[in-house]
């Protein structure tokens, strides 16, 4: 048994049976069904960062998205966008790590999507792991692309006039500010899981359309409309 899996199992035992079941159903089961490897956490101390010192300081550990959280939040985003704009909005996962949210999106929504989903990851090792996971699933190969870059450069990769931006508390502080600055002028729905810096959104004109206060950080989320989404 690898050290990372042993660490996960120890954490599960400490948190109790309910968490063990939820984590299995929402994280491990996806990998077992699909032959992927997304569920194990990657602490910040084990990441390999090629970008700026600020981004290294503001980045956080990789945690796989819960399957139902990605599905439910994208459905909320589609409800905001409507039946025409929903499939036309490009899905962009900032700090995508091993690609779990991208794979769930591709599986659940990618068939009707007008644009390939984009994952942006600043750790080249994690980005390679994400690409390997995408390569294992035939339905994802043409629906997902992962690039190694700063989230603040996301506009280089968005090919649509409206977007769904997915953020699982991948970074905070100045990096989040720079990313929100980069999103100005692009109508979008922001999915923010474990929204530690939620307070920044109303200050920037976002409208919180849906929220969930979950049992865990992983199932606590909000869905917000950018100021220009309905303009």
Protein backbone atom coordinates (compact mmCIF):
# COMPACT_ATOMS: atom_id res chain seq x y z
CA UNK A 1 0.00 0.00 0.00
CA UNK A 2 1.43 3.41 -0.94
CA UNK A 3 2.11 6.04 1.71
CA UNK A 4 -0.49 8.37 0.17
CA UNK A 5 -3.26 5.77 0.28
CA UNK A 6 -2.29 4.82 3.83
CA UNK A 7 -2.50 8.50 4.80
CA UNK A 8 -5.98 8.77 3.28
CA UNK A 9 -7.16 5.65 5.10
CA UNK A 10 -5.85 6.96 8.42
CA UNK A 11 -7.70 10.23 7.89
CA UNK A 12 -10.88 8.37 7.02
CA UNK A 13 -10.67 6.28 10.18
CA UNK A 14 -10.17 9.40 12.31
CA UNK A 15 -13.24 11.13 10.87
CA UNK A 16 -15.61 8.22 11.32
CA UNK A 17 -17.82 5.90 9.32
CA UNK A 18 -20.05 8.60 7.81
CA UNK A 19 -17.11 10.42 6.28
CA UNK A 20 -15.60 7.14 5.10
CA UNK A 21 -18.80 6.30 3.22
CA UNK A 22 -19.19 9.79 1.74
CA UNK A 23 -15.56 9.89 0.64
CA UNK A 24 -15.81 6.44 -0.94
CA UNK A 25 -19.03 7.28 -2.77
CA UNK A 26 -17.93 10.73 -3.93
CA UNK A 27 -14.22 10.19 -4.63
CA UNK A 28 -12.93 6.63 -4.61
CA UNK A 29 -15.87 5.06 -6.44
CA UNK A 30 -15.32 7.27 -9.48
CA UNK A 31 -11.76 5.98 -9.82
CA UNK A 32 -12.79 2.36 -9.32
CA UNK A 33 -15.42 2.61 -12.04
CA UNK A 34 -13.25 4.46 -14.53
CA UNK A 35 -9.73 3.16 -13.92
CA UNK A 36 -8.47 6.64 -13.08
CA UNK A 37 -6.40 7.92 -10.16
CA UNK A 38 -7.78 11.19 -8.82
CA UNK A 39 -8.83 10.70 -5.21
CA UNK A 40 -5.53 10.90 -3.26
CA UNK A 41 -4.74 14.33 -1.88
CA UNK A 42 -1.46 16.06 -2.72
CA UNK A 43 -0.17 18.37 0.04
CA UNK A 44 1.35 21.66 -1.01
CA UNK A 45 4.74 20.50 0.29
CA UNK A 46 4.76 17.75 -2.36
CA UNK A 47 3.87 19.99 -5.28
CA UNK A 48 6.34 21.13 -7.93
CA UNK A 49 5.87 24.81 -8.76
CA UNK A 50 7.46 26.51 -11.74
CA UNK A 51 5.63 29.83 -11.49
CA UNK A 52 6.07 32.88 -9.27
CA UNK A 53 6.75 32.94 -5.54
CA UNK A 54 3.39 34.66 -4.97
CA UNK A 55 1.55 31.82 -6.66
CA UNK A 56 3.49 29.27 -4.65
CA UNK A 57 2.58 31.15 -1.45
CA UNK A 58 -1.12 31.42 -2.38
CA UNK A 59 -1.61 27.92 -3.77
CA UNK A 60 -3.23 25.19 -1.67
CA UNK A 61 -3.20 21.40 -1.55
CA UNK A 62 -4.91 19.32 -4.24
CA UNK A 63 -8.19 17.73 -3.15
CA UNK A 64 -10.40 15.84 -5.60
CA UNK A 65 -13.87 17.27 -6.17
CA UNK A 66 -16.84 15.27 -4.97
CA UNK A 67 -18.62 13.81 -7.99
CA UNK A 68 -22.08 15.06 -7.01
CA UNK A 69 -20.77 18.55 -6.25
CA UNK A 70 -19.44 18.98 -9.78
CA UNK A 71 -22.66 17.63 -11.26
CA UNK A 72 -24.95 19.72 -9.05
CA UNK A 73 -23.05 22.98 -9.44
CA UNK A 74 -22.82 22.67 -13.21
CA UNK A 75 -26.59 22.07 -13.30
CA UNK A 76 -27.01 25.28 -11.30
CA UNK A 77 -24.76 27.07 -13.79
CA UNK A 78 -26.82 25.74 -16.70
CA UNK A 79 -30.00 26.93 -14.99
CA UNK A 80 -28.50 30.43 -14.79
CA UNK A 81 -27.33 30.41 -18.38
CA UNK A 82 -30.43 28.85 -19.93
CA UNK A 83 -30.73 26.03 -22.48
CA UNK A 84 -28.99 27.92 -25.28
CA UNK A 85 -26.00 29.39 -23.45
CA UNK A 86 -25.39 26.47 -21.10
CA UNK A 87 -23.87 24.04 -23.62
CA UNK A 88 -22.17 26.97 -25.38
CA UNK A 89 -20.31 28.05 -22.23
CA UNK A 90 -16.79 26.65 -22.00
CA UNK A 91 -16.03 24.84 -18.75
CA UNK A 92 -12.72 26.00 -17.23
CA UNK A 93 -11.31 24.35 -14.11
CA UNK A 94 -8.73 26.57 -12.38
CA UNK A 95 -6.24 24.53 -10.39
CA UNK A 96 -7.56 21.33 -11.92
CA UNK A 97 -4.98 19.03 -10.31
CA UNK A 98 -5.51 15.43 -11.35
CA UNK A 99 -8.56 16.36 -13.41
CA UNK A 100 -11.47 14.97 -11.38
CA UNK A 101 -13.93 17.82 -12.03
CA UNK A 102 -12.98 17.91 -15.71
CA UNK A 103 -13.67 14.19 -16.07
CA UNK A 104 -17.03 14.43 -14.31
CA UNK A 105 -17.98 17.37 -16.52
CA UNK A 106 -16.92 15.54 -19.68
CA UNK A 107 -18.85 12.45 -18.67
CA UNK A 108 -22.03 14.23 -17.58
CA UNK A 109 -22.19 17.27 -19.87
CA UNK A 110 -19.42 17.04 -22.47
CA UNK A 111 -21.38 15.26 -25.20
CA UNK A 112 -23.49 18.37 -25.85
CA UNK A 113 -20.81 20.97 -25.09
CA UNK A 114 -19.79 23.28 -27.91
CA UNK A 115 -16.24 23.71 -26.54
CA UNK A 116 -13.60 21.44 -25.09
CA UNK A 117 -13.27 21.76 -21.31
CA UNK A 118 -10.01 23.36 -20.19
CA UNK A 119 -8.08 22.61 -17.02
CA UNK A 120 -5.34 24.98 -15.88
CA UNK A 121 -2.80 23.69 -13.36
CA UNK A 122 0.38 25.45 -12.22
CA UNK A 123 2.08 22.28 -10.93
CA UNK A 124 3.53 20.42 -13.95
CA UNK A 125 3.57 17.09 -12.12
CA UNK A 126 -0.10 17.36 -11.20
CA UNK A 127 -0.91 18.52 -14.74
CA UNK A 128 0.78 15.41 -16.16
CA UNK A 129 -1.22 13.21 -13.77
CA UNK A 130 -4.37 14.94 -14.96
CA UNK A 131 -3.48 14.34 -18.60
CA UNK A 132 -2.83 10.68 -17.82
CA UNK A 133 -6.29 10.38 -16.29
CA UNK A 134 -7.88 12.05 -19.30
CA UNK A 135 -6.03 9.61 -21.58
CA UNK A 136 -7.57 6.64 -19.77
CA UNK A 137 -11.14 7.59 -20.71
CA UNK A 138 -12.23 7.45 -24.32
CA UNK A 139 -15.08 9.91 -23.77
CA UNK A 140 -12.69 12.49 -22.28
CA UNK A 141 -9.89 12.49 -24.86
CA UNK A 142 -11.69 14.83 -27.25
CA UNK A 143 -13.58 16.74 -24.57
CA UNK A 144 -10.80 17.81 -22.17
CA UNK A 145 -7.48 19.63 -22.41
CA UNK A 146 -5.12 20.39 -19.52
CA UNK A 147 -2.51 23.13 -19.73
CA UNK A 148 0.30 24.02 -17.32
CA UNK A 149 0.02 27.71 -16.54
CA UNK A 150 -1.14 30.27 -14.04
CA UNK A 151 -4.88 30.63 -13.57
CA UNK A 152 -4.39 34.36 -14.08
CA UNK A 153 -3.59 33.60 -17.75
CA UNK A 154 -6.89 31.82 -18.33
CA UNK A 155 -8.04 34.20 -21.07
CA UNK A 156 -5.38 32.74 -23.37
CA UNK A 157 -7.30 29.46 -23.39
CA UNK A 158 -10.97 30.43 -23.41
CA UNK A 159 -12.48 30.14 -26.87
CA UNK A 160 -16.09 31.01 -26.02
CA UNK A 161 -17.94 34.24 -25.37
CA UNK A 162 -19.37 32.89 -22.10
CA UNK A 163 -17.82 30.49 -19.61
CA UNK A 164 -18.34 28.35 -16.54
CA UNK A 165 -15.40 28.87 -14.20
CA UNK A 166 -14.82 26.10 -11.64
CA UNK A 167 -12.68 26.82 -8.60
CA UNK A 168 -12.18 24.43 -5.69
CA UNK A 169 -10.37 26.82 -3.33
CA UNK A 170 -7.21 26.13 -5.30
CA UNK A 171 -5.60 29.41 -4.34
CA UNK A 172 -6.31 32.52 -2.29
CA UNK A 173 -4.98 36.00 -1.74
CA UNK A 174 -3.34 37.92 -4.55
CA UNK A 175 -3.59 34.98 -6.97
CA UNK A 176 -7.36 34.88 -6.58
CA UNK A 177 -7.50 38.66 -7.02
CA UNK A 178 -5.44 38.44 -10.22
CA UNK A 179 -7.65 35.67 -11.55
CA UNK A 180 -10.85 37.60 -10.86
CA UNK A 181 -9.26 40.62 -12.56
CA UNK A 182 -8.51 38.46 -15.61
CA UNK A 183 -12.15 37.41 -15.79
CA UNK A 184 -13.39 40.98 -16.24
CA UNK A 185 -15.14 41.38 -19.57
CA UNK A 186 -15.91 37.66 -19.92
CA UNK A 187 -19.53 36.84 -19.00
CA UNK A 188 -19.36 33.77 -16.80
CA UNK A 189 -20.80 31.72 -14.00
CA UNK A 190 -18.37 31.13 -11.16
CA UNK A 191 -18.55 27.84 -9.25
CA UNK A 192 -16.60 28.24 -6.02
CA UNK A 193 -16.23 25.13 -3.86
CA UNK A 194 -15.07 25.65 -0.27
CA UNK A 195 -15.46 29.41 -0.80
CA UNK A 196 -13.06 30.69 1.84
CA UNK A 197 -12.85 34.16 0.28
CA UNK A 198 -16.54 34.43 -0.60
CA UNK A 199 -16.59 38.02 0.64
CA UNK A 200 -14.58 39.15 -2.38
CA UNK A 201 -17.35 38.32 -4.84
CA UNK A 202 -20.09 40.83 -3.85
CA UNK A 203 -17.41 43.51 -3.72
CA UNK A 204 -16.74 42.80 -7.39
CA UNK A 205 -20.39 42.79 -8.40
CA UNK A 206 -21.03 39.04 -8.48
CA UNK A 207 -24.56 37.88 -7.72
CA UNK A 208 -24.70 34.77 -5.55
CA UNK A 209 -27.38 32.63 -7.22
CA UNK A 210 -27.11 29.39 -5.23
CA UNK A 211 -25.26 28.17 -2.15
CA UNK A 212 -24.88 24.98 -0.18
CA UNK A 213 -23.54 24.75 3.36
CA UNK A 214 -22.40 21.15 3.36
CA UNK A 215 -21.20 18.74 6.00
CA UNK A 216 -17.63 19.10 4.71
CA UNK A 217 -15.55 21.73 2.93
CA UNK A 218 -15.80 19.56 -0.19
CA UNK A 219 -19.58 19.89 -0.40
CA UNK A 220 -19.82 23.54 0.62
CA UNK A 221 -20.14 25.68 -2.47
CA UNK A 222 -21.66 28.66 -4.21
CA UNK A 223 -22.62 29.50 -7.77
CA UNK A 224 -22.39 33.17 -8.77
CA UNK A 225 -23.18 35.22 -11.87
CA UNK A 226 -20.55 37.69 -13.04
CA UNK A 227 -21.63 41.36 -13.25
CA UNK A 228 -21.83 41.26 -17.04
CA UNK A 229 -23.57 37.89 -17.39
CA UNK A 230 -27.04 39.39 -17.65
CA UNK A 231 -25.97 42.71 -19.10
